[in-house]
Amino acid sequence: MTGPGLHRQRVLVTGASGLIGHAAVRRFSADGARVTAIGRPGEPGQSLLSIDLARDPWPEARWDVIVHCAARLPARFEGDEAAAASAENRAMDDRAIAAAAATNAHLVFLSTASVYGATIGEIDDDTPAAPLLGYAREKLASETAITARGLSATVFRLVAPYGPRQTRPTVLRRFLDAALTGAPLRYYGSGARSQDFLHADDVAIALALAARERAAGRFLLASGVAISMRELARLVVEVTASASVVEAAGVPDPEEGRTIRYRIDRLRRHLGFQPAVSLSNGLAAWAAVRREELARGVAS
């Protein structure tokens, strides 16, 4: 059954200056929603509220939908910094949950596929969670809190998003910069480890579908297509028309043999979601942006 649509709906988006939040603001605005965006100040072309989501008072208003994208990702997922990030994320998550409960808003909550820990092979919505990292454990705890409150909510366990606003040194970012500067693209181990990557614009489409349909429950959010690190390096060289070579780094891959295929059958069935941006097209578009940034001397 189709929900009330998004035209004139009051939507709050947190993390609006980040990779996913920025795409979400554009998607919801294009769909006719009245969007309030919370993020870092100074973003060109956006009117953002700048508040500390873990400590400052949230805007006092009634929302139809709260899209909670904000999260603090530590440089390392262990140690004191990781513990502090988990505590901050939990505070932000608790506030998003409380705001949704107080305003009777539908909550669209971004969790993480890292809740599956070291699980390999096929992963779907029924695969048991087995988180290893503090970040994943915190997100799983927030999922449990959402269920306990009985909220109208969609929870997405998100897999490896990417796009031009990504600044973390992910494998995609490292391969892209190497190709654009003529450096070798080096993969660890045999290069057989696989991953699934989903463009930020496709993530935003899923968020908007969930809000429009008021979809209840938890969904794995991925492209459904895995690629090995070796083939990923070759694809980056191809889409950038780079003269860089692809070669083994001569360093063992700590996750050698980790091959995963994420199944998104339930997401397709319930929300009609189908990724629109292929990995090759997404990388080519990001490469065009990144090439200009490197020409201007922008490192990140």
Foldseek 3Di string as FASTA:
>chain_A
DWFPFAAQFEEEFEQCLAQQNVLLVVLSVVRHHNYAYAHPPDDPPDDHDDDLLLDDDDDDDAGQEYEYPDADDDLDQDDDRVVVRLVSRLSNLVVQLVNCVVRVHEYEEEAAPLQQPLDAEEDFPPRDGDHDTSSNVSSVVSVVVNVVVVHLYEYEHEFAEDAQRDDRPDLLNVLLVCQLVQHANADADPQFAKGFYAYSNLVSVLSSLCSRRSDGDYFYDTQQDMDTRQVSSVLSCVLLVGPHHYYHPPHHDPSPPGHYGYDGVVSCVPRVRHGDADPSNRSNVSSVVVSVCVVVVNND
